[in-house]
N, C-alpha and C. Protein backbone atom coordinates (compact mmCIF):
# COMPACT_ATOMS: atom_id res chain seq x y z
N UNK A 1 -120.71 -40.44 138.16
CA UNK A 1 -119.94 -41.56 137.67
C UNK A 1 -120.59 -42.85 138.16
N UNK A 2 -120.81 -43.80 137.24
CA UNK A 2 -121.41 -45.04 137.71
C UNK A 2 -120.32 -45.93 138.28
N UNK A 3 -120.74 -47.03 138.88
CA UNK A 3 -119.82 -47.89 139.62
C UNK A 3 -118.71 -48.48 138.78
N UNK A 4 -118.94 -48.67 137.52
CA UNK A 4 -117.97 -49.37 136.69
C UNK A 4 -117.46 -48.54 135.52
N UNK A 5 -117.51 -47.21 135.63
CA UNK A 5 -117.16 -46.40 134.48
C UNK A 5 -115.66 -46.31 134.21
N UNK A 6 -114.82 -46.56 135.21
CA UNK A 6 -113.40 -46.42 135.01
C UNK A 6 -112.75 -47.57 134.28
N UNK A 7 -113.05 -48.76 134.66
CA UNK A 7 -112.29 -49.92 134.20
C UNK A 7 -113.26 -51.04 133.80
N UNK A 8 -113.37 -51.25 132.50
CA UNK A 8 -114.19 -52.34 132.02
C UNK A 8 -113.34 -53.24 131.15
N UNK A 9 -112.06 -53.26 131.45
CA UNK A 9 -111.12 -54.03 130.63
C UNK A 9 -111.09 -55.48 131.11
N UNK A 10 -110.64 -56.30 130.23
CA UNK A 10 -110.33 -57.69 130.59
C UNK A 10 -108.85 -57.90 130.31
N UNK A 11 -108.28 -58.77 131.04
CA UNK A 11 -106.84 -59.05 130.85
C UNK A 11 -106.59 -59.63 129.47
N UNK A 12 -105.44 -59.27 128.95
CA UNK A 12 -105.01 -59.81 127.65
C UNK A 12 -104.08 -60.99 127.90
N UNK A 13 -103.68 -61.65 126.85
CA UNK A 13 -102.81 -62.79 126.98
C UNK A 13 -101.38 -62.43 127.18
N UNK A 14 -101.08 -61.17 127.39
CA UNK A 14 -99.70 -60.71 127.51
C UNK A 14 -99.04 -61.11 128.80
N UNK A 15 -99.84 -61.50 129.80
CA UNK A 15 -99.26 -61.84 131.10
C UNK A 15 -99.67 -63.23 131.54
N UNK A 16 -99.98 -64.10 130.60
CA UNK A 16 -100.32 -65.47 130.97
C UNK A 16 -99.13 -66.35 130.72
N UNK A 17 -99.05 -67.41 131.43
CA UNK A 17 -97.99 -68.38 131.22
C UNK A 17 -96.61 -67.91 131.54
N UNK A 18 -96.49 -66.92 132.40
CA UNK A 18 -95.18 -66.46 132.81
C UNK A 18 -94.50 -67.56 133.62
N UNK A 19 -93.25 -67.74 133.43
CA UNK A 19 -92.53 -68.73 134.18
C UNK A 19 -92.06 -68.12 135.50
N UNK A 20 -92.98 -68.09 136.44
CA UNK A 20 -92.69 -67.46 137.74
C UNK A 20 -92.58 -68.56 138.79
N UNK A 21 -91.47 -68.64 139.44
CA UNK A 21 -91.30 -69.61 140.48
C UNK A 21 -91.69 -68.99 141.83
N UNK A 22 -92.96 -68.63 141.94
CA UNK A 22 -93.44 -67.94 143.14
C UNK A 22 -94.67 -68.61 143.75
N UNK A 23 -94.89 -69.84 143.37
CA UNK A 23 -95.97 -70.60 143.97
C UNK A 23 -97.34 -70.35 143.41
N UNK A 24 -97.40 -69.82 142.19
CA UNK A 24 -98.71 -69.68 141.54
C UNK A 24 -98.83 -70.80 140.52
N UNK A 25 -100.03 -71.27 140.36
CA UNK A 25 -100.28 -72.38 139.48
C UNK A 25 -100.31 -71.98 138.01
N UNK A 26 -100.37 -73.00 137.15
CA UNK A 26 -100.46 -72.73 135.72
C UNK A 26 -101.73 -71.94 135.43
N UNK A 27 -101.68 -71.08 134.44
CA UNK A 27 -102.83 -70.31 134.07
C UNK A 27 -102.95 -68.99 134.85
N UNK A 28 -102.05 -68.77 135.80
CA UNK A 28 -102.07 -67.52 136.54
C UNK A 28 -101.86 -66.36 135.57
N UNK A 29 -102.65 -65.35 135.68
CA UNK A 29 -102.53 -64.17 134.82
C UNK A 29 -102.44 -62.94 135.68
N UNK A 30 -101.29 -62.31 135.70
CA UNK A 30 -101.05 -61.12 136.52
C UNK A 30 -102.02 -60.01 136.13
N UNK A 31 -102.29 -59.85 134.85
CA UNK A 31 -103.23 -58.81 134.42
C UNK A 31 -104.61 -59.01 134.97
N UNK A 32 -105.02 -60.26 135.18
CA UNK A 32 -106.32 -60.49 135.81
C UNK A 32 -106.40 -59.86 137.18
N UNK A 33 -105.30 -59.91 137.94
CA UNK A 33 -105.25 -59.30 139.27
C UNK A 33 -105.33 -57.77 139.16
N UNK A 34 -104.62 -57.19 138.17
CA UNK A 34 -104.64 -55.77 137.98
C UNK A 34 -106.05 -55.30 137.62
N UNK A 35 -106.67 -56.00 136.67
CA UNK A 35 -108.01 -55.64 136.23
C UNK A 35 -109.02 -55.82 137.38
N UNK A 36 -108.87 -56.84 138.17
CA UNK A 36 -109.76 -57.09 139.30
C UNK A 36 -109.69 -55.92 140.29
N UNK A 37 -108.48 -55.51 140.64
CA UNK A 37 -108.32 -54.41 141.57
C UNK A 37 -108.88 -53.11 140.95
N UNK A 38 -108.62 -52.91 139.67
CA UNK A 38 -109.15 -51.71 138.98
C UNK A 38 -110.68 -51.66 139.01
N UNK A 39 -111.29 -52.79 138.79
CA UNK A 39 -112.76 -52.86 138.85
C UNK A 39 -113.29 -52.56 140.26
N UNK A 40 -112.59 -53.10 141.25
CA UNK A 40 -112.97 -52.82 142.64
C UNK A 40 -112.80 -51.32 142.97
N UNK A 41 -111.72 -50.77 142.48
CA UNK A 41 -111.45 -49.34 142.68
C UNK A 41 -112.57 -48.51 142.03
N UNK A 42 -112.98 -48.88 140.85
CA UNK A 42 -114.04 -48.15 140.14
C UNK A 42 -115.35 -48.23 140.91
N UNK A 43 -115.66 -49.43 141.44
CA UNK A 43 -116.90 -49.57 142.23
C UNK A 43 -116.82 -48.74 143.51
N UNK A 44 -115.66 -48.73 144.16
CA UNK A 44 -115.49 -47.92 145.35
C UNK A 44 -115.67 -46.44 145.03
N UNK A 45 -115.13 -46.02 143.90
CA UNK A 45 -115.27 -44.63 143.47
C UNK A 45 -116.74 -44.26 143.28
N UNK A 46 -117.46 -45.15 142.67
CA UNK A 46 -118.91 -44.93 142.46
C UNK A 46 -119.67 -44.84 143.78
N UNK A 47 -119.29 -45.70 144.72
CA UNK A 47 -119.95 -45.66 146.04
C UNK A 47 -119.63 -44.37 146.77
N UNK A 48 -118.39 -43.90 146.67
CA UNK A 48 -118.02 -42.63 147.30
C UNK A 48 -118.88 -41.51 146.70
N UNK A 49 -118.99 -41.47 145.40
CA UNK A 49 -119.80 -40.43 144.76
C UNK A 49 -121.26 -40.52 145.22
N UNK A 50 -121.79 -41.72 145.28
CA UNK A 50 -123.18 -41.92 145.65
C UNK A 50 -123.44 -41.55 147.11
N UNK A 51 -122.49 -41.89 148.01
CA UNK A 51 -122.72 -41.75 149.43
C UNK A 51 -122.14 -40.45 150.00
N UNK A 52 -121.45 -39.66 149.20
CA UNK A 52 -120.67 -38.52 149.67
C UNK A 52 -121.43 -37.70 150.72
N UNK A 53 -122.62 -37.28 150.38
CA UNK A 53 -123.38 -36.38 151.26
C UNK A 53 -123.92 -37.08 152.50
N UNK A 54 -123.96 -38.39 152.52
CA UNK A 54 -124.51 -39.12 153.64
C UNK A 54 -123.45 -39.62 154.62
N UNK A 55 -122.18 -39.49 154.26
CA UNK A 55 -121.11 -39.98 155.10
C UNK A 55 -120.74 -38.95 156.17
N UNK A 56 -120.37 -39.46 157.35
CA UNK A 56 -119.86 -38.56 158.38
C UNK A 56 -118.44 -38.13 157.95
N UNK A 57 -117.90 -37.14 158.62
CA UNK A 57 -116.55 -36.68 158.32
C UNK A 57 -115.56 -37.83 158.50
N UNK A 58 -115.70 -38.57 159.61
CA UNK A 58 -114.83 -39.69 159.85
C UNK A 58 -114.92 -40.76 158.77
N UNK A 59 -116.15 -41.11 158.38
CA UNK A 59 -116.35 -42.12 157.35
C UNK A 59 -115.75 -41.66 156.01
N UNK A 60 -115.98 -40.42 155.68
CA UNK A 60 -115.43 -39.88 154.44
C UNK A 60 -113.91 -39.96 154.44
N UNK A 61 -113.29 -39.60 155.54
CA UNK A 61 -111.83 -39.68 155.66
C UNK A 61 -111.34 -41.11 155.46
N UNK A 62 -112.03 -42.07 156.09
CA UNK A 62 -111.61 -43.46 155.98
C UNK A 62 -111.76 -44.01 154.58
N UNK A 63 -112.88 -43.75 153.96
CA UNK A 63 -113.09 -44.31 152.62
C UNK A 63 -112.22 -43.66 151.57
N UNK A 64 -111.95 -42.37 151.72
CA UNK A 64 -111.06 -41.68 150.79
C UNK A 64 -109.60 -42.14 150.98
N UNK A 65 -109.25 -42.47 152.18
CA UNK A 65 -107.90 -43.01 152.42
C UNK A 65 -107.73 -44.36 151.72
N UNK A 66 -108.72 -45.22 151.82
CA UNK A 66 -108.71 -46.51 151.14
C UNK A 66 -108.64 -46.31 149.62
N UNK A 67 -109.45 -45.39 149.12
CA UNK A 67 -109.48 -45.09 147.69
C UNK A 67 -108.10 -44.65 147.19
N UNK A 68 -107.45 -43.76 147.95
CA UNK A 68 -106.12 -43.30 147.56
C UNK A 68 -105.07 -44.39 147.59
N UNK A 69 -105.11 -45.20 148.66
CA UNK A 69 -104.12 -46.33 148.73
C UNK A 69 -104.30 -47.28 147.61
N UNK A 70 -105.54 -47.59 147.27
CA UNK A 70 -105.84 -48.55 146.19
C UNK A 70 -105.34 -47.98 144.86
N UNK A 71 -105.54 -46.71 144.65
CA UNK A 71 -105.05 -46.10 143.41
C UNK A 71 -103.55 -46.20 143.24
N UNK A 72 -102.81 -45.93 144.33
CA UNK A 72 -101.35 -46.07 144.28
C UNK A 72 -100.95 -47.50 144.01
N UNK A 73 -101.66 -48.45 144.60
CA UNK A 73 -101.35 -49.85 144.38
C UNK A 73 -101.50 -50.22 142.90
N UNK A 74 -102.53 -49.65 142.24
CA UNK A 74 -102.70 -49.91 140.80
C UNK A 74 -101.49 -49.40 140.04
N UNK A 75 -101.03 -48.21 140.37
CA UNK A 75 -99.85 -47.68 139.69
C UNK A 75 -98.63 -48.58 139.91
N UNK A 76 -98.47 -49.06 141.14
CA UNK A 76 -97.34 -49.94 141.44
C UNK A 76 -97.46 -51.24 140.66
N UNK A 77 -98.66 -51.80 140.60
CA UNK A 77 -98.84 -53.05 139.86
C UNK A 77 -98.55 -52.90 138.38
N UNK A 78 -98.96 -51.78 137.79
CA UNK A 78 -98.65 -51.57 136.36
C UNK A 78 -97.15 -51.51 136.14
N UNK A 79 -96.42 -50.89 137.07
CA UNK A 79 -94.96 -50.86 136.95
C UNK A 79 -94.35 -52.25 137.12
N UNK A 80 -94.86 -53.02 138.05
CA UNK A 80 -94.33 -54.36 138.31
C UNK A 80 -94.60 -55.33 137.18
N UNK A 81 -95.73 -55.15 136.50
CA UNK A 81 -96.04 -56.11 135.41
C UNK A 81 -94.98 -56.11 134.33
N UNK A 82 -94.40 -54.96 134.06
CA UNK A 82 -93.33 -54.92 133.08
C UNK A 82 -92.08 -55.65 133.56
N UNK A 83 -91.80 -55.48 134.87
CA UNK A 83 -90.67 -56.20 135.44
C UNK A 83 -90.83 -57.71 135.44
N UNK A 84 -92.06 -58.18 135.38
CA UNK A 84 -92.33 -59.62 135.32
C UNK A 84 -92.24 -60.16 133.90
N UNK A 85 -92.05 -59.27 132.93
CA UNK A 85 -91.94 -59.73 131.55
C UNK A 85 -93.21 -59.61 130.77
N UNK A 86 -94.22 -58.98 131.30
CA UNK A 86 -95.47 -58.78 130.55
C UNK A 86 -95.20 -57.78 129.42
N UNK A 87 -95.75 -58.06 128.28
CA UNK A 87 -95.57 -57.16 127.14
C UNK A 87 -96.95 -56.67 126.66
N UNK A 88 -96.89 -55.71 125.79
CA UNK A 88 -98.13 -55.20 125.23
C UNK A 88 -98.76 -54.10 126.04
N UNK A 89 -99.93 -53.73 125.63
CA UNK A 89 -100.66 -52.62 126.24
C UNK A 89 -101.07 -52.98 127.67
N UNK A 90 -100.97 -51.99 128.54
CA UNK A 90 -101.39 -52.20 129.92
C UNK A 90 -102.89 -52.52 129.96
N UNK A 91 -103.31 -53.36 130.91
CA UNK A 91 -104.70 -53.77 130.94
C UNK A 91 -105.64 -52.68 131.39
N UNK A 92 -105.13 -51.64 132.03
CA UNK A 92 -105.95 -50.47 132.41
C UNK A 92 -105.17 -49.21 132.07
N UNK A 93 -105.84 -48.10 132.05
CA UNK A 93 -105.18 -46.82 131.74
C UNK A 93 -104.92 -46.10 133.06
N UNK A 94 -103.64 -45.88 133.37
CA UNK A 94 -103.31 -45.23 134.62
C UNK A 94 -103.84 -43.79 134.66
N UNK A 95 -104.03 -43.18 133.49
CA UNK A 95 -104.58 -41.83 133.46
C UNK A 95 -106.00 -41.79 134.02
N UNK A 96 -106.76 -42.87 133.84
CA UNK A 96 -108.12 -42.94 134.42
C UNK A 96 -108.01 -42.94 135.96
N UNK A 97 -107.06 -43.70 136.47
CA UNK A 97 -106.88 -43.78 137.92
C UNK A 97 -106.44 -42.41 138.47
N UNK A 98 -105.50 -41.77 137.78
CA UNK A 98 -105.04 -40.45 138.17
C UNK A 98 -106.19 -39.45 138.14
N UNK A 99 -106.97 -39.45 137.09
CA UNK A 99 -108.08 -38.52 136.95
C UNK A 99 -109.13 -38.73 138.06
N UNK A 100 -109.39 -39.97 138.38
CA UNK A 100 -110.39 -40.26 139.41
C UNK A 100 -109.90 -39.76 140.77
N UNK A 101 -108.65 -40.05 141.11
CA UNK A 101 -108.11 -39.59 142.38
C UNK A 101 -108.07 -38.05 142.41
N UNK A 102 -107.68 -37.42 141.31
CA UNK A 102 -107.67 -35.97 141.26
C UNK A 102 -109.08 -35.37 141.43
N UNK A 103 -110.06 -36.01 140.83
CA UNK A 103 -111.46 -35.54 141.00
C UNK A 103 -111.88 -35.61 142.47
N UNK A 104 -111.54 -36.71 143.12
CA UNK A 104 -111.91 -36.88 144.55
C UNK A 104 -111.19 -35.84 145.40
N UNK A 105 -109.92 -35.56 145.07
CA UNK A 105 -109.19 -34.57 145.85
C UNK A 105 -109.80 -33.16 145.65
N UNK A 106 -110.18 -32.82 144.45
CA UNK A 106 -110.81 -31.52 144.19
C UNK A 106 -112.14 -31.40 144.97
N UNK A 107 -112.90 -32.46 144.96
CA UNK A 107 -114.18 -32.45 145.67
C UNK A 107 -113.95 -32.35 147.16
N UNK A 108 -112.95 -33.07 147.67
CA UNK A 108 -112.66 -32.99 149.10
C UNK A 108 -112.15 -31.63 149.50
N UNK A 109 -111.35 -31.01 148.64
CA UNK A 109 -110.87 -29.66 148.96
C UNK A 109 -112.05 -28.69 149.08
N UNK A 110 -112.97 -28.76 148.18
CA UNK A 110 -114.15 -27.88 148.22
C UNK A 110 -114.97 -28.20 149.47
N UNK A 111 -115.11 -29.47 149.79
CA UNK A 111 -115.87 -29.90 150.97
C UNK A 111 -115.28 -29.29 152.25
N UNK A 112 -113.95 -29.39 152.35
CA UNK A 112 -113.26 -28.86 153.55
C UNK A 112 -113.43 -27.34 153.58
N UNK A 113 -113.21 -26.66 152.48
CA UNK A 113 -113.34 -25.20 152.46
C UNK A 113 -114.72 -24.73 152.82
N UNK A 114 -115.74 -25.42 152.30
CA UNK A 114 -117.12 -25.02 152.56
C UNK A 114 -117.53 -25.24 154.01
N UNK A 115 -116.98 -26.25 154.63
CA UNK A 115 -117.41 -26.62 155.99
C UNK A 115 -116.40 -26.18 157.09
N UNK A 116 -115.38 -25.49 156.66
CA UNK A 116 -114.38 -25.06 157.65
C UNK A 116 -114.98 -24.29 158.82
N UNK A 117 -115.97 -23.43 158.56
CA UNK A 117 -116.57 -22.71 159.70
C UNK A 117 -117.23 -23.64 160.75
N UNK A 118 -117.58 -24.87 160.37
CA UNK A 118 -118.19 -25.79 161.31
C UNK A 118 -117.18 -26.36 162.32
N UNK A 119 -115.90 -26.19 162.01
CA UNK A 119 -114.84 -26.75 162.84
C UNK A 119 -114.82 -26.07 164.20
N UNK A 120 -114.85 -26.90 165.22
CA UNK A 120 -114.69 -26.40 166.58
C UNK A 120 -114.03 -27.47 167.41
N UNK A 121 -113.79 -27.19 168.69
CA UNK A 121 -113.05 -28.14 169.54
C UNK A 121 -113.81 -29.45 169.74
N UNK A 122 -115.08 -29.44 169.52
CA UNK A 122 -115.89 -30.67 169.68
C UNK A 122 -115.65 -31.69 168.55
N UNK A 123 -115.38 -31.17 167.36
CA UNK A 123 -115.25 -32.09 166.22
C UNK A 123 -113.87 -32.03 165.55
N UNK A 124 -112.89 -31.65 166.32
CA UNK A 124 -111.54 -31.47 165.73
C UNK A 124 -110.94 -32.80 165.28
N UNK A 125 -111.18 -33.90 166.01
CA UNK A 125 -110.55 -35.18 165.68
C UNK A 125 -111.00 -35.69 164.31
N UNK A 126 -112.32 -35.77 164.04
CA UNK A 126 -112.69 -36.22 162.68
C UNK A 126 -112.22 -35.29 161.57
N UNK A 127 -112.21 -34.00 161.85
CA UNK A 127 -111.74 -33.08 160.84
C UNK A 127 -110.23 -33.20 160.61
N UNK A 128 -109.49 -33.48 161.66
CA UNK A 128 -108.07 -33.70 161.46
C UNK A 128 -107.81 -34.95 160.63
N UNK A 129 -108.67 -35.97 160.79
CA UNK A 129 -108.53 -37.16 159.97
C UNK A 129 -108.82 -36.84 158.50
N UNK A 130 -109.81 -35.99 158.30
CA UNK A 130 -110.18 -35.60 156.94
C UNK A 130 -109.06 -34.83 156.26
N UNK A 131 -108.47 -33.88 156.98
CA UNK A 131 -107.38 -33.10 156.40
C UNK A 131 -106.16 -34.00 156.18
N UNK A 132 -105.94 -34.95 157.08
CA UNK A 132 -104.88 -35.92 156.88
C UNK A 132 -105.10 -36.77 155.66
N UNK A 133 -106.34 -37.22 155.44
CA UNK A 133 -106.68 -38.00 154.26
C UNK A 133 -106.42 -37.18 153.02
N UNK A 134 -106.78 -35.90 153.08
CA UNK A 134 -106.53 -35.01 151.92
C UNK A 134 -105.05 -34.92 151.62
N UNK A 135 -104.25 -34.65 152.65
CA UNK A 135 -102.80 -34.51 152.42
C UNK A 135 -102.16 -35.80 151.95
N UNK A 136 -102.57 -36.91 152.55
CA UNK A 136 -101.99 -38.19 152.12
C UNK A 136 -102.38 -38.52 150.67
N UNK A 137 -103.62 -38.23 150.31
CA UNK A 137 -104.06 -38.52 148.93
C UNK A 137 -103.42 -37.54 147.93
N UNK A 138 -103.08 -36.34 148.38
CA UNK A 138 -102.34 -35.43 147.48
C UNK A 138 -100.95 -36.02 147.17
N UNK A 139 -100.32 -36.58 148.20
CA UNK A 139 -99.03 -37.23 147.99
C UNK A 139 -99.21 -38.46 147.10
N UNK A 140 -100.27 -39.21 147.33
CA UNK A 140 -100.53 -40.39 146.50
C UNK A 140 -100.79 -40.01 145.05
N UNK A 141 -101.45 -38.89 144.84
CA UNK A 141 -101.67 -38.42 143.46
C UNK A 141 -100.33 -38.13 142.79
N UNK A 142 -99.44 -37.49 143.54
CA UNK A 142 -98.08 -37.25 143.01
C UNK A 142 -97.38 -38.54 142.65
N UNK A 143 -97.51 -39.53 143.52
CA UNK A 143 -96.89 -40.83 143.22
C UNK A 143 -97.47 -41.45 141.95
N UNK A 144 -98.80 -41.39 141.83
CA UNK A 144 -99.47 -41.92 140.65
C UNK A 144 -99.04 -41.20 139.38
N UNK A 145 -98.95 -39.87 139.49
CA UNK A 145 -98.53 -39.10 138.33
C UNK A 145 -97.10 -39.47 137.90
N UNK A 146 -96.23 -39.69 138.88
CA UNK A 146 -94.86 -40.15 138.58
C UNK A 146 -94.89 -41.53 137.94
N UNK A 147 -95.72 -42.42 138.46
CA UNK A 147 -95.82 -43.76 137.86
C UNK A 147 -96.34 -43.66 136.43
N UNK A 148 -97.31 -42.80 136.24
CA UNK A 148 -97.87 -42.63 134.89
C UNK A 148 -96.84 -42.11 133.91
N UNK A 149 -96.05 -41.16 134.35
CA UNK A 149 -94.98 -40.63 133.49
C UNK A 149 -93.97 -41.74 133.16
N UNK A 150 -93.58 -42.50 134.15
CA UNK A 150 -92.62 -43.59 133.95
C UNK A 150 -93.18 -44.62 132.99
N UNK A 151 -94.44 -44.95 133.10
CA UNK A 151 -95.06 -45.94 132.21
C UNK A 151 -95.13 -45.40 130.78
N UNK A 152 -95.40 -44.13 130.62
CA UNK A 152 -95.48 -43.56 129.28
C UNK A 152 -94.12 -43.45 128.64
N UNK A 153 -93.08 -43.21 129.45
CA UNK A 153 -91.72 -43.07 128.91
C UNK A 153 -91.08 -44.39 128.60
N UNK A 154 -91.50 -45.44 129.29
CA UNK A 154 -90.88 -46.75 129.09
C UNK A 154 -91.39 -47.36 127.78
N UNK A 155 -90.48 -47.64 126.92
CA UNK A 155 -90.84 -48.26 125.66
C UNK A 155 -90.85 -49.73 125.80
N UNK A 156 -91.91 -50.33 125.41
CA UNK A 156 -92.08 -51.78 125.51
C UNK A 156 -92.08 -52.34 124.09
N UNK A 157 -90.95 -52.84 123.67
CA UNK A 157 -90.80 -53.37 122.30
C UNK A 157 -91.39 -54.78 122.27
N UNK A 158 -92.43 -54.99 121.49
CA UNK A 158 -93.08 -56.27 121.47
C UNK A 158 -93.11 -56.81 120.05
N UNK A 159 -93.85 -57.91 119.84
CA UNK A 159 -93.88 -58.59 118.53
C UNK A 159 -94.47 -57.70 117.45
N UNK A 160 -95.50 -56.89 117.78
CA UNK A 160 -96.06 -55.98 116.78
C UNK A 160 -95.04 -54.94 116.35
N UNK A 161 -94.26 -54.44 117.28
CA UNK A 161 -93.22 -53.46 116.95
C UNK A 161 -92.18 -54.12 116.03
N UNK A 162 -91.80 -55.34 116.34
CA UNK A 162 -90.80 -56.05 115.52
C UNK A 162 -91.36 -56.28 114.11
N UNK A 163 -92.61 -56.65 113.99
CA UNK A 163 -93.21 -56.88 112.67
C UNK A 163 -93.25 -55.57 111.88
N UNK A 164 -93.61 -54.48 112.52
CA UNK A 164 -93.63 -53.17 111.86
C UNK A 164 -92.25 -52.78 111.39
N UNK A 165 -91.26 -52.97 112.24
CA UNK A 165 -89.87 -52.65 111.87
C UNK A 165 -89.41 -53.47 110.64
N UNK A 166 -89.78 -54.77 110.67
CA UNK A 166 -89.40 -55.64 109.55
C UNK A 166 -90.06 -55.19 108.25
N UNK A 167 -91.34 -54.81 108.33
CA UNK A 167 -92.04 -54.34 107.15
C UNK A 167 -91.44 -53.04 106.61
N UNK A 168 -91.10 -52.12 107.52
CA UNK A 168 -90.46 -50.87 107.10
C UNK A 168 -89.07 -51.09 106.47
N UNK A 169 -88.33 -52.04 107.06
CA UNK A 169 -87.01 -52.37 106.52
C UNK A 169 -87.15 -52.91 105.10
N UNK A 170 -88.15 -53.78 104.90
CA UNK A 170 -88.36 -54.39 103.60
C UNK A 170 -88.76 -53.32 102.58
N UNK A 171 -89.67 -52.43 102.94
CA UNK A 171 -90.08 -51.36 102.03
C UNK A 171 -88.92 -50.42 101.75
N UNK A 172 -88.13 -50.15 102.76
CA UNK A 172 -86.98 -49.27 102.56
C UNK A 172 -86.00 -49.87 101.56
N UNK A 173 -85.79 -51.17 101.67
CA UNK A 173 -84.88 -51.87 100.75
C UNK A 173 -85.44 -51.88 99.33
N UNK A 174 -86.77 -52.19 99.20
CA UNK A 174 -87.40 -52.25 97.87
C UNK A 174 -87.42 -50.89 97.21
N UNK A 175 -87.68 -49.85 97.94
CA UNK A 175 -87.79 -48.51 97.38
C UNK A 175 -86.48 -47.78 97.30
N UNK A 176 -85.47 -48.29 98.00
CA UNK A 176 -84.16 -47.68 97.99
C UNK A 176 -84.09 -46.34 98.73
N UNK A 177 -84.95 -46.21 99.73
CA UNK A 177 -84.95 -44.97 100.57
C UNK A 177 -84.95 -45.36 102.04
N UNK A 178 -84.51 -44.46 102.85
CA UNK A 178 -84.48 -44.68 104.27
C UNK A 178 -85.84 -44.34 104.88
N UNK A 179 -86.48 -45.29 105.47
CA UNK A 179 -87.79 -45.05 106.14
C UNK A 179 -87.62 -45.03 107.65
């Protein structure tokens, strides 16, 4: 996976000009923040893939922990954007974030299983960090999957939906049938 394969989106105008009394200036776009974090997450994912075999057990645990935390934050931000009144399509696809975290968890599981025989009293601390990172990221994956389900179930009625409904109502009236 290259550094930017997950998120190459740009923010849409769906989250600009929100009337938020939270100390942000005019022109603030919440989606820009979401996209920015998603792009950083994608670059981090690419670095993990590139450096995987060169990282120590401790380093791998630390970077995978950061990767998992960042993924959950993306899910939280996508949920919050709707609460702020943003409409329209999400600026990133949460399924990409879920898939990326799941891929890293699968790779980490295989890594742990393959190297388990190397575990001894001398290196127990870094290995315990790695197993902890695995378990924490498994929980984070569950959180992301729940956020993804909630985002898919939440219907966001926007101007395009209203225009489509109006067109269907007009055709229904003209044709004398229920559409």
